[in-house]
Amino acid sequence: MIGITRIAAAAAVALTVMAGQAARAADADIVDVAVAAGDFKTLAAALKAAGLVDTLKGAGPFTVFAPTDAAFAKLPAGTVETLLKPENKEQLTAVLTYHVVPGKIMAADAVPPRPRPSTALR
């Protein structure tokens, strides 16, 4: 399972939406933003299978380090399909909730900036 987390985290996008605050629409929540973005169809299906949609549509704020469809596609064949089975709901929920942090975390705060290469001539 650690491999899944590493792959998902490597290609993750952080989505942060404050409850009641405008994101892309006046009443958008983190689930609505993910669905509207179009790159999170697998995540949306996983949230539904895990029963987490209502939780993430609830009072926030939440930050979700949300794996894109491209990130899910890099998982070993059959991984997503296996996790989406009802008998694996507990494991799926654990994977998804690992990517959710209470509060509003901006990307600049979550990832330290890369040092810029020196352009000075010697």
PDB file of N, CA and C in Angstrom:
ATOM      1  N   MET A   1       0.818  -1.196   0.000  1.00  0.00           N
ATOM      2  CA  MET A   1       0.000   0.000   0.000  1.00  0.00           C
ATOM      3  C   MET A   1       0.860   1.256   0.000  1.00  0.00           C
ATOM      4  N   ILE A   2       2.069   1.159   0.527  1.00  0.00           N
ATOM      5  CA  ILE A   2       2.939   2.333   0.547  1.00  0.00           C
ATOM      6  C   ILE A   2       3.259   2.762  -0.866  1.00  0.00           C
ATOM      7  N   GLY A   3       3.435   1.801  -1.786  1.00  0.00           N
ATOM      8  CA  GLY A   3       3.713   2.131  -3.182  1.00  0.00           C
ATOM      9  C   GLY A   3       2.583   2.930  -3.800  1.00  0.00           C
ATOM     10  N   ILE A   4       1.353   2.588  -3.479  1.00  0.00           N
ATOM     11  CA  ILE A   4       0.201   3.317  -4.000  1.00  0.00           C
ATOM     12  C   ILE A   4       0.256   4.762  -3.526  1.00  0.00           C
ATOM     13  N   THR A   5       0.544   4.947  -2.265  1.00  0.00           N
ATOM     14  CA  THR A   5       0.593   6.303  -1.718  1.00  0.00           C
ATOM     15  C   THR A   5       1.700   7.106  -2.372  1.00  0.00           C
ATOM     16  N   ARG A   6       2.864   6.509  -2.567  1.00  0.00           N
ATOM     17  CA  ARG A   6       3.970   7.228  -3.202  1.00  0.00           C
ATOM     18  C   ARG A   6       3.623   7.646  -4.614  1.00  0.00           C
ATOM     19  N   ILE A   7       3.055   6.730  -5.390  1.00  0.00           N
ATOM     20  CA  ILE A   7       2.708   7.058  -6.777  1.00  0.00           C
ATOM     21  C   ILE A   7       1.642   8.140  -6.806  1.00  0.00           C
ATOM     22  N   ALA A   8       0.622   7.984  -5.988  1.00  0.00           N
ATOM     23  CA  ALA A   8      -0.451   8.972  -5.969  1.00  0.00           C
ATOM     24  C   ALA A   8       0.061  10.327  -5.504  1.00  0.00           C
ATOM     25  N   ALA A   9       0.896  10.330  -4.508  1.00  0.00           N
ATOM     26  CA  ALA A   9       1.409  11.599  -3.994  1.00  0.00           C
ATOM     27  C   ALA A   9       2.327  12.279  -4.999  1.00  0.00           C
ATOM     28  N   ALA A  10       3.047  11.502  -5.771  1.00  0.00           N
ATOM     29  CA  ALA A  10       3.977  12.085  -6.735  1.00  0.00           C
ATOM     30  C   ALA A  10       3.262  12.880  -7.815  1.00  0.00           C
ATOM     31  N   ALA A  11       2.071  12.474  -8.165  1.00  0.00           N
ATOM     32  CA  ALA A  11       1.334  13.172  -9.215  1.00  0.00           C
ATOM     33  C   ALA A  11       0.083  13.832  -8.661  1.00  0.00           C
ATOM     34  N   ALA A  12       0.124  14.221  -7.414  1.00  0.00           N
ATOM     35  CA  ALA A  12      -1.058  14.784  -6.758  1.00  0.00           C
ATOM     36  C   ALA A  12      -1.157  16.284  -6.960  1.00  0.00           C
ATOM     37  N   VAL A  13      -2.381  16.723  -6.864  1.00  0.00           N
ATOM     38  CA  VAL A  13      -2.684  18.144  -6.931  1.00  0.00           C
ATOM     39  C   VAL A  13      -3.430  18.474  -5.647  1.00  0.00           C
ATOM     40  N   ALA A  14      -3.046  19.523  -4.984  1.00  0.00           N
ATOM     41  CA  ALA A  14      -3.732  19.909  -3.752  1.00  0.00           C
ATOM     42  C   ALA A  14      -4.935  20.770  -4.095  1.00  0.00           C
ATOM     43  N   LEU A  15      -6.082  20.372  -3.604  1.00  0.00           N
ATOM     44  CA  LEU A  15      -7.318  21.132  -3.763  1.00  0.00           C
ATOM     45  C   LEU A  15      -7.723  21.634  -2.391  1.00  0.00           C
ATOM     46  N   THR A  16      -7.936  22.905  -2.257  1.00  0.00           N
ATOM     47  CA  THR A  16      -8.375  23.460  -0.980  1.00  0.00           C
ATOM     48  C   THR A  16      -9.596  24.334  -1.218  1.00  0.00           C
ATOM     49  N   VAL A  17     -10.644  24.046  -0.482  1.00  0.00           N
ATOM     50  CA  VAL A  17     -11.856  24.848  -0.592  1.00  0.00           C
ATOM     51  C   VAL A  17     -12.396  25.083   0.808  1.00  0.00           C
ATOM     52  N   MET A  18     -12.638  26.313   1.137  1.00  0.00           N
ATOM     53  CA  MET A  18     -13.255  26.644   2.409  1.00  0.00           C
ATOM     54  C   MET A  18     -14.773  26.480   2.242  1.00  0.00           C
ATOM     55  N   ALA A  19     -15.413  25.858   3.225  1.00  0.00           N
ATOM     56  CA  ALA A  19     -16.859  25.720   3.171  1.00  0.00           C
ATOM     57  C   ALA A  19     -17.493  27.097   3.126  1.00  0.00           C
ATOM     58  N   GLY A  20     -18.393  27.294   2.185  1.00  0.00           N
ATOM     59  CA  GLY A  20     -19.085  28.568   2.068  1.00  0.00           C
ATOM     60  C   GLY A  20     -18.285  29.632   1.337  1.00  0.00           C
ATOM     61  N   GLN A  21     -17.051  29.338   0.931  1.00  0.00           N
ATOM     62  CA  GLN A  21     -16.223  30.327   0.235  1.00  0.00           C
ATOM     63  C   GLN A  21     -16.193  29.974  -1.247  1.00  0.00           C
ATOM     64  N   ALA A  22     -16.143  30.969  -2.087  1.00  0.00           N
ATOM     65  CA  ALA A  22     -16.149  30.730  -3.525  1.00  0.00           C
ATOM     66  C   ALA A  22     -14.854  30.082  -3.946  1.00  0.00           C
ATOM     67  N   ALA A  23     -14.960  29.059  -4.769  1.00  0.00           N
ATOM     68  CA  ALA A  23     -13.790  28.442  -5.389  1.00  0.00           C
ATOM     69  C   ALA A  23     -13.919  28.678  -6.877  1.00  0.00           C
ATOM     70  N   ARG A  24     -14.815  27.946  -7.508  1.00  0.00           N
ATOM     71  CA  ARG A  24     -15.101  28.195  -8.920  1.00  0.00           C
ATOM     72  C   ARG A  24     -16.540  28.655  -9.084  1.00  0.00           C
ATOM     73  N   ALA A  25     -17.316  28.383  -8.092  1.00  0.00           N
ATOM     74  CA  ALA A  25     -18.710  28.829  -8.077  1.00  0.00           C
ATOM     75  C   ALA A  25     -19.023  29.235  -6.642  1.00  0.00           C
ATOM     76  N   ALA A  26     -20.079  29.979  -6.477  1.00  0.00           N
ATOM     77  CA  ALA A  26     -20.402  30.531  -5.168  1.00  0.00           C
ATOM     78  C   ALA A  26     -20.552  29.461  -4.094  1.00  0.00           C
ATOM     79  N   ASP A  27     -21.125  28.320  -4.423  1.00  0.00           N
ATOM     80  CA  ASP A  27     -21.345  27.298  -3.405  1.00  0.00           C
ATOM     81  C   ASP A  27     -20.606  26.010  -3.721  1.00  0.00           C
ATOM     82  N   ALA A  28     -19.449  26.093  -4.354  1.00  0.00           N
ATOM     83  CA  ALA A  28     -18.655  24.917  -4.668  1.00  0.00           C
ATOM     84  C   ALA A  28     -17.983  24.382  -3.413  1.00  0.00           C
ATOM     85  N   ASP A  29     -17.933  23.071  -3.312  1.00  0.00           N
ATOM     86  CA  ASP A  29     -17.176  22.434  -2.243  1.00  0.00           C
ATOM     87  C   ASP A  29     -16.043  21.651  -2.895  1.00  0.00           C
ATOM     88  N   ILE A  30     -15.252  21.003  -2.095  1.00  0.00           N
ATOM     89  CA  ILE A  30     -14.055  20.345  -2.621  1.00  0.00           C
ATOM     90  C   ILE A  30     -14.391  19.233  -3.618  1.00  0.00           C
ATOM     91  N   VAL A  31     -15.496  18.543  -3.410  1.00  0.00           N
ATOM     92  CA  VAL A  31     -15.916  17.491  -4.338  1.00  0.00           C
ATOM     93  C   VAL A  31     -16.352  18.122  -5.659  1.00  0.00           C
ATOM     94  N   ASP A  32     -17.136  19.198  -5.595  1.00  0.00           N
ATOM     95  CA  ASP A  32     -17.589  19.878  -6.812  1.00  0.00           C
ATOM     96  C   ASP A  32     -16.404  20.402  -7.624  1.00  0.00           C
ATOM     97  N   VAL A  33     -15.415  20.964  -6.938  1.00  0.00           N
ATOM     98  CA  VAL A  33     -14.242  21.499  -7.625  1.00  0.00           C
ATOM     99  C   VAL A  33     -13.494  20.376  -8.325  1.00  0.00           C
ATOM    100  N   ALA A  34     -13.313  19.260  -7.650  1.00  0.00           N
ATOM    101  CA  ALA A  34     -12.610  18.121  -8.248  1.00  0.00           C
ATOM    102  C   ALA A  34     -13.345  17.601  -9.481  1.00  0.00           C
ATOM    103  N   VAL A  35     -14.656  17.462  -9.387  1.00  0.00           N
ATOM    104  CA  VAL A  35     -15.443  16.974 -10.516  1.00  0.00           C
ATOM    105  C   VAL A  35     -15.393  17.967 -11.676  1.00  0.00           C
ATOM    106  N   ALA A  36     -15.533  19.253 -11.373  1.00  0.00           N
ATOM    107  CA  ALA A  36     -15.531  20.280 -12.421  1.00  0.00           C
ATOM    108  C   ALA A  36     -14.180  20.374 -13.127  1.00  0.00           C
ATOM    109  N   ALA A  37     -13.102  20.052 -12.420  1.00  0.00           N
ATOM    110  CA  ALA A  37     -11.767  20.139 -13.020  1.00  0.00           C
ATOM    111  C   ALA A  37     -11.605  19.137 -14.154  1.00  0.00           C
ATOM    112  N   GLY A  38     -12.314  18.030 -14.094  1.00  0.00           N
ATOM    113  CA  GLY A  38     -12.275  17.045 -15.175  1.00  0.00           C
ATOM    114  C   GLY A  38     -11.133  16.051 -15.112  1.00  0.00           C
ATOM    115  N   ASP A  39     -10.153  16.266 -14.253  1.00  0.00           N
ATOM    116  CA  ASP A  39      -9.003  15.366 -14.151  1.00  0.00           C
ATOM    117  C   ASP A  39      -9.074  14.445 -12.937  1.00  0.00           C
ATOM    118  N   PHE A  40     -10.247  14.399 -12.308  1.00  0.00           N
ATOM    119  CA  PHE A  40     -10.376  13.648 -11.055  1.00  0.00           C
ATOM    120  C   PHE A  40     -11.559  12.675 -11.092  1.00  0.00           C
ATOM    121  N   LYS A  41     -11.844  12.116 -12.251  1.00  0.00           N
ATOM    122  CA  LYS A  41     -12.983  11.185 -12.368  1.00  0.00           C
ATOM    123  C   LYS A  41     -12.778   9.939 -11.516  1.00  0.00           C
ATOM    124  N   THR A  42     -11.561   9.411 -11.515  1.00  0.00           N
ATOM    125  CA  THR A  42     -11.277   8.217 -10.720  1.00  0.00           C
ATOM    126  C   THR A  42     -11.396   8.529  -9.241  1.00  0.00           C
ATOM    127  N   LEU A  43     -10.880   9.685  -8.834  1.00  0.00           N
ATOM    128  CA  LEU A  43     -10.996  10.097  -7.435  1.00  0.00           C
ATOM    129  C   LEU A  43     -12.464  10.223  -7.044  1.00  0.00           C
ATOM    130  N   ALA A  44     -13.271  10.842  -7.897  1.00  0.00           N
ATOM    131  CA  ALA A  44     -14.701  11.005  -7.598  1.00  0.00           C
ATOM    132  C   ALA A  44     -15.367   9.644  -7.415  1.00  0.00           C
ATOM    133  N   ALA A  45     -15.049   8.689  -8.274  1.00  0.00           N
ATOM    134  CA  ALA A  45     -15.612   7.338  -8.152  1.00  0.00           C
ATOM    135  C   ALA A  45     -15.151   6.675  -6.858  1.00  0.00           C
ATOM    136  N   ALA A  46     -13.887   6.889  -6.507  1.00  0.00           N
ATOM    137  CA  ALA A  46     -13.346   6.304  -5.280  1.00  0.00           C
ATOM    138  C   ALA A  46     -13.997   6.927  -4.041  1.00  0.00           C
ATOM    139  N   LEU A  47     -14.183   8.241  -4.054  1.00  0.00           N
ATOM    140  CA  LEU A  47     -14.846   8.904  -2.924  1.00  0.00           C
ATOM    141  C   LEU A  47     -16.256   8.369  -2.736  1.00  0.00           C
ATOM    142  N   LYS A  48     -16.947   8.152  -3.841  1.00  0.00           N
ATOM    143  CA  LYS A  48     -18.305   7.607  -3.774  1.00  0.00           C
ATOM    144  C   LYS A  48     -18.283   6.182  -3.218  1.00  0.00           C
ATOM    145  N   ALA A  49     -17.365   5.348  -3.724  1.00  0.00           N
ATOM    146  CA  ALA A  49     -17.279   3.961  -3.267  1.00  0.00           C
ATOM    147  C   ALA A  49     -16.914   3.866  -1.791  1.00  0.00           C
ATOM    148  N   ALA A  50     -16.122   4.816  -1.314  1.00  0.00           N
ATOM    149  CA  ALA A  50     -15.711   4.817   0.097  1.00  0.00           C
ATOM    150  C   ALA A  50     -16.733   5.485   1.007  1.00  0.00           C
ATOM    151  N   GLY A  51     -17.743   6.117   0.422  1.00  0.00           N
ATOM    152  CA  GLY A  51     -18.745   6.798   1.232  1.00  0.00           C
ATOM    153  C   GLY A  51     -18.240   8.097   1.842  1.00  0.00           C
ATOM    154  N   LEU A  52     -17.293   8.755   1.162  1.00  0.00           N
ATOM    155  CA  LEU A  52     -16.693   9.975   1.705  1.00  0.00           C
ATOM    156  C   LEU A  52     -17.214  11.265   1.077  1.00  0.00           C
ATOM    157  N   VAL A  53     -18.097  11.173   0.106  1.00  0.00           N
ATOM    158  CA  VAL A  53     -18.586  12.374  -0.574  1.00  0.00           C
ATOM    159  C   VAL A  53     -19.260  13.318   0.403  1.00  0.00           C
ATOM    160  N   ASP A  54     -20.180  12.817   1.205  1.00  0.00           N
ATOM    161  CA  ASP A  54     -20.895  13.683   2.149  1.00  0.00           C
ATOM    162  C   ASP A  54     -19.947  14.311   3.174  1.00  0.00           C
ATOM    163  N   THR A  55     -18.956  13.562   3.605  1.00  0.00           N
ATOM    164  CA  THR A  55     -17.980  14.100   4.563  1.00  0.00           C
ATOM    165  C   THR A  55     -17.246  15.288   3.954  1.00  0.00           C
ATOM    166  N   LEU A  56     -16.755  15.128   2.720  1.00  0.00           N
ATOM    167  CA  LEU A  56     -15.997  16.204   2.084  1.00  0.00           C
ATOM    168  C   LEU A  56     -16.880  17.348   1.603  1.00  0.00           C
ATOM    169  N   LYS A  57     -18.181  17.119   1.495  1.00  0.00           N
ATOM    170  CA  LYS A  57     -19.100  18.190   1.160  1.00  0.00           C
ATOM    171  C   LYS A  57     -19.539  18.930   2.423  1.00  0.00           C
ATOM    172  N   GLY A  58     -19.144  18.412   3.572  1.00  0.00           N
ATOM    173  CA  GLY A  58     -19.522  19.008   4.847  1.00  0.00           C
ATOM    174  C   GLY A  58     -18.642  20.182   5.216  1.00  0.00           C
ATOM    175  N   ALA A  59     -18.785  20.577   6.476  1.00  0.00           N
ATOM    176  CA  ALA A  59     -18.036  21.725   6.994  1.00  0.00           C
ATOM    177  C   ALA A  59     -16.545  21.459   6.876  1.00  0.00           C
ATOM    178  N   GLY A  60     -15.849  22.413   6.394  1.00  0.00           N
ATOM    179  CA  GLY A  60     -14.402  22.302   6.216  1.00  0.00           C
ATOM    180  C   GLY A  60     -13.728  23.328   7.076  1.00  0.00           C
ATOM    181  N   PRO A  61     -12.620  23.767   6.675  1.00  0.00           N
ATOM    182  CA  PRO A  61     -11.990  23.508   5.380  1.00  0.00           C
ATOM    183  C   PRO A  61     -11.219  22.191   5.371  1.00  0.00           C
ATOM    184  N   PHE A  62     -11.045  21.653   4.167  1.00  0.00           N
ATOM    185  CA  PHE A  62     -10.239  20.463   3.949  1.00  0.00           C
ATOM    186  C   PHE A  62      -9.228  20.766   2.851  1.00  0.00           C
ATOM    187  N   THR A  63      -8.081  20.156   2.954  1.00  0.00           N
ATOM    188  CA  THR A  63      -7.136  20.147   1.847  1.00  0.00           C
ATOM    189  C   THR A  63      -7.014  18.698   1.425  1.00  0.00           C
ATOM    190  N   VAL A  64      -7.189  18.451   0.142  1.00  0.00           N
ATOM    191  CA  VAL A  64      -7.069  17.097  -0.392  1.00  0.00           C
ATOM    192  C   VAL A  64      -5.896  17.081  -1.359  1.00  0.00           C
ATOM    193  N   PHE A  65      -4.938  16.238  -1.070  1.00  0.00           N
ATOM    194  CA  PHE A  65      -3.846  16.007  -2.004  1.00  0.00           C
ATOM    195  C   PHE A  65      -4.385  14.961  -2.966  1.00  0.00           C
ATOM    196  N   ALA A  66      -5.025  15.478  -4.000  1.00  0.00           N
ATOM    197  CA  ALA A  66      -5.893  14.685  -4.857  1.00  0.00           C
ATOM    198  C   ALA A  66      -5.155  14.100  -6.053  1.00  0.00           C
ATOM    199  N   PRO A  67      -5.019  12.783  -6.089  1.00  0.00           N
ATOM    200  CA  PRO A  67      -4.406  12.164  -7.262  1.00  0.00           C
ATOM    201  C   PRO A  67      -5.277  12.384  -8.502  1.00  0.00           C
ATOM    202  N   THR A  68      -4.639  12.771  -9.572  1.00  0.00           N
ATOM    203  CA  THR A  68      -5.351  12.962 -10.832  1.00  0.00           C
ATOM    204  C   THR A  68      -5.619  11.609 -11.480  1.00  0.00           C
ATOM    205  N   ASP A  69      -6.422  11.621 -12.533  1.00  0.00           N
ATOM    206  CA  ASP A  69      -6.666  10.389 -13.283  1.00  0.00           C
ATOM    207  C   ASP A  69      -5.349   9.826 -13.817  1.00  0.00           C
ATOM    208  N   ALA A  70      -4.433  10.713 -14.221  1.00  0.00           N
ATOM    209  CA  ALA A  70      -3.127  10.266 -14.726  1.00  0.00           C
ATOM    210  C   ALA A  70      -2.334   9.554 -13.633  1.00  0.00           C
ATOM    211  N   ALA A  71      -2.435  10.018 -12.402  1.00  0.00           N
ATOM    212  CA  ALA A  71      -1.734   9.359 -11.292  1.00  0.00           C
ATOM    213  C   ALA A  71      -2.314   7.972 -11.044  1.00  0.00           C
ATOM    214  N   PHE A  72      -3.639   7.889 -11.032  1.00  0.00           N
ATOM    215  CA  PHE A  72      -4.271   6.576 -10.844  1.00  0.00           C
ATOM    216  C   PHE A  72      -3.886   5.627 -11.975  1.00  0.00           C
ATOM    217  N   ALA A  73      -3.732   6.132 -13.181  1.00  0.00           N
ATOM    218  CA  ALA A  73      -3.379   5.300 -14.334  1.00  0.00           C
ATOM    219  C   ALA A  73      -1.980   4.691 -14.198  1.00  0.00           C
ATOM    220  N   LYS A  74      -1.134   5.287 -13.379  1.00  0.00           N
ATOM    221  CA  LYS A  74       0.223   4.778 -13.192  1.00  0.00           C
ATOM    222  C   LYS A  74       0.296   3.647 -12.168  1.00  0.00           C
ATOM    223  N   LEU A  75      -0.793   3.396 -11.471  1.00  0.00           N
ATOM    224  CA  LEU A  75      -0.819   2.294 -10.515  1.00  0.00           C
ATOM    225  C   LEU A  75      -0.762   0.964 -11.261  1.00  0.00           C
ATOM    226  N   PRO A  76      -0.297  -0.083 -10.603  1.00  0.00           N
ATOM    227  CA  PRO A  76      -0.290  -1.394 -11.247  1.00  0.00           C
ATOM    228  C   PRO A  76      -1.694  -1.780 -11.728  1.00  0.00           C
ATOM    229  N   ALA A  77      -1.748  -2.466 -12.842  1.00  0.00           N
ATOM    230  CA  ALA A  77      -3.028  -2.883 -13.434  1.00  0.00           C
ATOM    231  C   ALA A  77      -3.901  -3.589 -12.395  1.00  0.00           C
ATOM    232  N   GLY A  78      -5.155  -3.194 -12.352  1.00  0.00           N
ATOM    233  CA  GLY A  78      -6.122  -3.822 -11.463  1.00  0.00           C
ATOM    234  C   GLY A  78      -6.203  -3.222 -10.064  1.00  0.00           C
ATOM    235  N   THR A  79      -5.274  -2.337  -9.710  1.00  0.00           N
ATOM    236  CA  THR A  79      -5.261  -1.779  -8.362  1.00  0.00           C
ATOM    237  C   THR A  79      -6.529  -0.984  -8.068  1.00  0.00           C
ATOM    238  N   VAL A  80      -6.873  -0.067  -8.954  1.00  0.00           N
ATOM    239  CA  VAL A  80      -8.057   0.769  -8.732  1.00  0.00           C
ATOM    240  C   VAL A  80      -9.312  -0.088  -8.695  1.00  0.00           C
ATOM    241  N   GLU A  81      -9.428  -0.977  -9.649  1.00  0.00           N
ATOM    242  CA  GLU A  81     -10.611  -1.843  -9.709  1.00  0.00           C
ATOM    243  C   GLU A  81     -10.763  -2.663  -8.424  1.00  0.00           C
ATOM    244  N   THR A  82      -9.648  -3.165  -7.908  1.00  0.00           N
ATOM    245  CA  THR A  82      -9.677  -3.948  -6.673  1.00  0.00           C
ATOM    246  C   THR A  82     -10.101  -3.089  -5.491  1.00  0.00           C
ATOM    247  N   LEU A  83      -9.532  -1.885  -5.395  1.00  0.00           N
ATOM    248  CA  LEU A  83      -9.882  -1.000  -4.282  1.00  0.00           C
ATOM    249  C   LEU A  83     -11.342  -0.561  -4.323  1.00  0.00           C
ATOM    250  N   LEU A  84     -11.919  -0.452  -5.512  1.00  0.00           N
ATOM    251  CA  LEU A  84     -13.304   0.008  -5.634  1.00  0.00           C
ATOM    252  C   LEU A  84     -14.340  -1.067  -5.284  1.00  0.00           C
ATOM    253  N   LYS A  85     -13.906  -2.307  -5.102  1.00  0.00           N
ATOM    254  CA  LYS A  85     -14.844  -3.376  -4.741  1.00  0.00           C
ATOM    255  C   LYS A  85     -15.363  -3.148  -3.321  1.00  0.00           C
ATOM    256  N   PRO A  86     -16.648  -3.429  -3.100  1.00  0.00           N
ATOM    257  CA  PRO A  86     -17.244  -3.201  -1.771  1.00  0.00           C
ATOM    258  C   PRO A  86     -16.482  -3.881  -0.630  1.00  0.00           C
ATOM    259  N   GLU A  87     -15.940  -5.047  -0.881  1.00  0.00           N
ATOM    260  CA  GLU A  87     -15.226  -5.758   0.183  1.00  0.00           C
ATOM    261  C   GLU A  87     -13.896  -5.072   0.562  1.00  0.00           C
ATOM    262  N   ASN A  88     -13.455  -4.111  -0.237  1.00  0.00           N
ATOM    263  CA  ASN A  88     -12.212  -3.395   0.050  1.00  0.00           C
ATOM    264  C   ASN A  88     -12.456  -1.948   0.493  1.00  0.00           C
ATOM    265  N   LYS A  89     -13.689  -1.653   0.899  1.00  0.00           N
ATOM    266  CA  LYS A  89     -14.056  -0.294   1.282  1.00  0.00           C
ATOM    267  C   LYS A  89     -13.171   0.249   2.404  1.00  0.00           C
ATOM    268  N   GLU A  90     -12.845  -0.566   3.387  1.00  0.00           N
ATOM    269  CA  GLU A  90     -12.020  -0.099   4.506  1.00  0.00           C
ATOM    270  C   GLU A  90     -10.617   0.304   4.019  1.00  0.00           C
ATOM    271  N   GLN A  91     -10.037  -0.503   3.159  1.00  0.00           N
ATOM    272  CA  GLN A  91      -8.705  -0.196   2.616  1.00  0.00           C
ATOM    273  C   GLN A  91      -8.756   1.055   1.735  1.00  0.00           C
ATOM    274  N   LEU A  92      -9.787   1.156   0.899  1.00  0.00           N
ATOM    275  CA  LEU A  92      -9.954   2.327   0.039  1.00  0.00           C
ATOM    276  C   LEU A  92     -10.107   3.591   0.884  1.00  0.00           C
ATOM    277  N   THR A  93     -10.915   3.514   1.922  1.00  0.00           N
ATOM    278  CA  THR A  93     -11.118   4.654   2.810  1.00  0.00           C
ATOM    279  C   THR A  93      -9.805   5.080   3.458  1.00  0.00           C
ATOM    280  N   ALA A  94      -8.990   4.126   3.861  1.00  0.00           N
ATOM    281  CA  ALA A  94      -7.696   4.443   4.473  1.00  0.00           C
ATOM    282  C   ALA A  94      -6.782   5.157   3.481  1.00  0.00           C
ATOM    283  N   VAL A  95      -6.759   4.699   2.244  1.00  0.00           N
ATOM    284  CA  VAL A  95      -5.920   5.332   1.220  1.00  0.00           C
ATOM    285  C   VAL A  95      -6.396   6.761   0.967  1.00  0.00           C
ATOM    286  N   LEU A  96      -7.696   6.936   0.818  1.00  0.00           N
ATOM    287  CA  LEU A  96      -8.236   8.265   0.515  1.00  0.00           C
ATOM    288  C   LEU A  96      -8.067   9.239   1.673  1.00  0.00           C
ATOM    289  N   THR A  97      -8.367   8.800   2.874  1.00  0.00           N
ATOM    290  CA  THR A  97      -8.275   9.718   4.010  1.00  0.00           C
ATOM    291  C   THR A  97      -6.827  10.078   4.328  1.00  0.00           C
ATOM    292  N   TYR A  98      -5.889   9.265   3.894  1.00  0.00           N
ATOM    293  CA  TYR A  98      -4.471   9.605   4.031  1.00  0.00           C
ATOM    294  C   TYR A  98      -4.148  10.876   3.251  1.00  0.00           C
ATOM    295  N   HIS A  99      -4.928  11.153   2.218  1.00  0.00           N
ATOM    296  CA  HIS A  99      -4.705  12.307   1.343  1.00  0.00           C
ATOM    297  C   HIS A  99      -5.530  13.528   1.732  1.00  0.00           C
ATOM    298  N   VAL A 100      -6.228  13.471   2.868  1.00  0.00           N
ATOM    299  CA  VAL A 100      -7.064  14.578   3.331  1.00  0.00           C
ATOM    300  C   VAL A 100      -6.494  15.128   4.628  1.00  0.00           C
ATOM    301  N   VAL A 101      -6.351  16.445   4.663  1.00  0.00           N
ATOM    302  CA  VAL A 101      -5.838  17.123   5.848  1.00  0.00           C
ATOM    303  C   VAL A 101      -6.865  18.177   6.249  1.00  0.00           C
ATOM    304  N   PRO A 102      -7.241  18.210   7.540  1.00  0.00           N
ATOM    305  CA  PRO A 102      -8.147  19.280   7.950  1.00  0.00           C
ATOM    306  C   PRO A 102      -7.426  20.624   7.880  1.00  0.00           C
ATOM    307  N   GLY A 103      -8.128  21.635   7.419  1.00  0.00           N
ATOM    308  CA  GLY A 103      -7.559  22.967   7.323  1.00  0.00           C
ATOM    309  C   GLY A 103      -7.242  23.347   5.896  1.00  0.00           C
ATOM    310  N   LYS A 104      -6.854  24.593   5.752  1.00  0.00           N
ATOM    311  CA  LYS A 104      -6.521  25.141   4.440  1.00  0.00           C
ATOM    312  C   LYS A 104      -5.001  25.215   4.330  1.00  0.00           C
ATOM    313  N   ILE A 105      -4.448  24.396   3.468  1.00  0.00           N
ATOM    314  CA  ILE A 105      -3.004  24.374   3.267  1.00  0.00           C
ATOM    315  C   ILE A 105      -2.737  24.769   1.821  1.00  0.00           C
ATOM    316  N   MET A 106      -2.000  25.824   1.645  1.00  0.00           N
ATOM    317  CA  MET A 106      -1.664  26.286   0.305  1.00  0.00           C
ATOM    318  C   MET A 106      -0.448  25.515  -0.203  1.00  0.00           C
ATOM    319  N   ALA A 107      -0.350  25.356  -1.502  1.00  0.00           N
ATOM    320  CA  ALA A 107       0.744  24.590  -2.100  1.00  0.00           C
ATOM    321  C   ALA A 107       2.104  25.127  -1.663  1.00  0.00           C
ATOM    322  N   ALA A 108       2.244  26.425  -1.588  1.00  0.00           N
ATOM    323  CA  ALA A 108       3.520  27.026  -1.192  1.00  0.00           C
ATOM    324  C   ALA A 108       3.910  26.632   0.234  1.00  0.00           C
ATOM    325  N   ASP A 109       2.923  26.356   1.070  1.00  0.00           N
ATOM    326  CA  ASP A 109       3.199  25.953   2.444  1.00  0.00           C
ATOM    327  C   ASP A 109       3.479  24.459   2.560  1.00  0.00           C
ATOM    328  N   ALA A 110       2.972  23.680   1.620  1.00  0.00           N
ATOM    329  CA  ALA A 110       3.109  22.232   1.681  1.00  0.00           C
ATOM    330  C   ALA A 110       4.400  21.733   1.046  1.00  0.00           C
ATOM    331  N   VAL A 111       4.881  22.445   0.046  1.00  0.00           N
ATOM    332  CA  VAL A 111       6.071  22.020  -0.682  1.00  0.00           C
ATOM    333  C   VAL A 111       7.095  23.145  -0.633  1.00  0.00           C
ATOM    334  N   PRO A 112       8.265  22.875  -0.082  1.00  0.00           N
ATOM    335  CA  PRO A 112       9.262  23.943  -0.035  1.00  0.00           C
ATOM    336  C   PRO A 112       9.702  24.328  -1.443  1.00  0.00           C
ATOM    337  N   PRO A 113       9.982  25.599  -1.664  1.00  0.00           N
ATOM    338  CA  PRO A 113      10.391  26.015  -3.011  1.00  0.00           C
ATOM    339  C   PRO A 113      11.732  25.388  -3.386  1.00  0.00           C
ATOM    340  N   ARG A 114      11.868  25.107  -4.674  1.00  0.00           N
ATOM    341  CA  ARG A 114      13.128  24.556  -5.177  1.00  0.00           C
ATOM    342  C   ARG A 114      14.148  25.677  -5.279  1.00  0.00           C
ATOM    343  N   PRO A 115      15.386  25.379  -4.943  1.00  0.00           N
ATOM    344  CA  PRO A 115      16.401  26.408  -5.115  1.00  0.00           C
ATOM    345  C   PRO A 115      16.628  26.675  -6.604  1.00  0.00           C
ATOM    346  N   ARG A 116      16.788  27.912  -6.934  1.00  0.00           N
ATOM    347  CA  ARG A 116      17.021  28.279  -8.342  1.00  0.00           C
ATOM    348  C   ARG A 116      18.505  28.117  -8.650  1.00  0.00           C
ATOM    349  N   PRO A 117      18.799  27.595  -9.823  1.00  0.00           N
ATOM    350  CA  PRO A 117      20.206  27.477 -10.177  1.00  0.00           C
ATOM    351  C   PRO A 117      20.817  28.867 -10.342  1.00  0.00           C
ATOM    352  N   SER A 118      22.048  28.985  -9.991  1.00  0.00           N
ATOM    353  CA  SER A 118      22.733  30.262 -10.098  1.00  0.00           C
ATOM    354  C   SER A 118      22.953  30.609 -11.563  1.00  0.00           C
ATOM    355  N   THR A 119      22.650  31.834 -11.894  1.00  0.00           N
ATOM    356  CA  THR A 119      22.854  32.296 -13.266  1.00  0.00           C
ATOM    357  C   THR A 119      24.039  33.246 -13.363  1.00  0.00           C
ATOM    358  N   ALA A 120      24.717  33.380 -12.233  1.00  0.00           N
ATOM    359  CA  ALA A 120      25.866  34.285 -12.225  1.00  0.00           C
ATOM    360  C   ALA A 120      27.019  33.707 -13.041  1.00  0.00           C
ATOM    361  N   LEU A 121      27.648  34.528 -13.801  1.00  0.00           N
ATOM    362  CA  LEU A 121      28.818  34.115 -14.584  1.00  0.00           C
ATOM    363  C   LEU A 121      30.048  34.228 -13.721  1.00  0.00           C
ATOM    364  N   ARG A 122      30.916  33.293 -13.875  1.00  0.00           N
ATOM    365  CA  ARG A 122      32.149  33.330 -13.088  1.00  0.00           C
ATOM    366  C   ARG A 122      33.310  33.630 -13.969  1.00  0.00           C
TER     367      ARG A 122
END
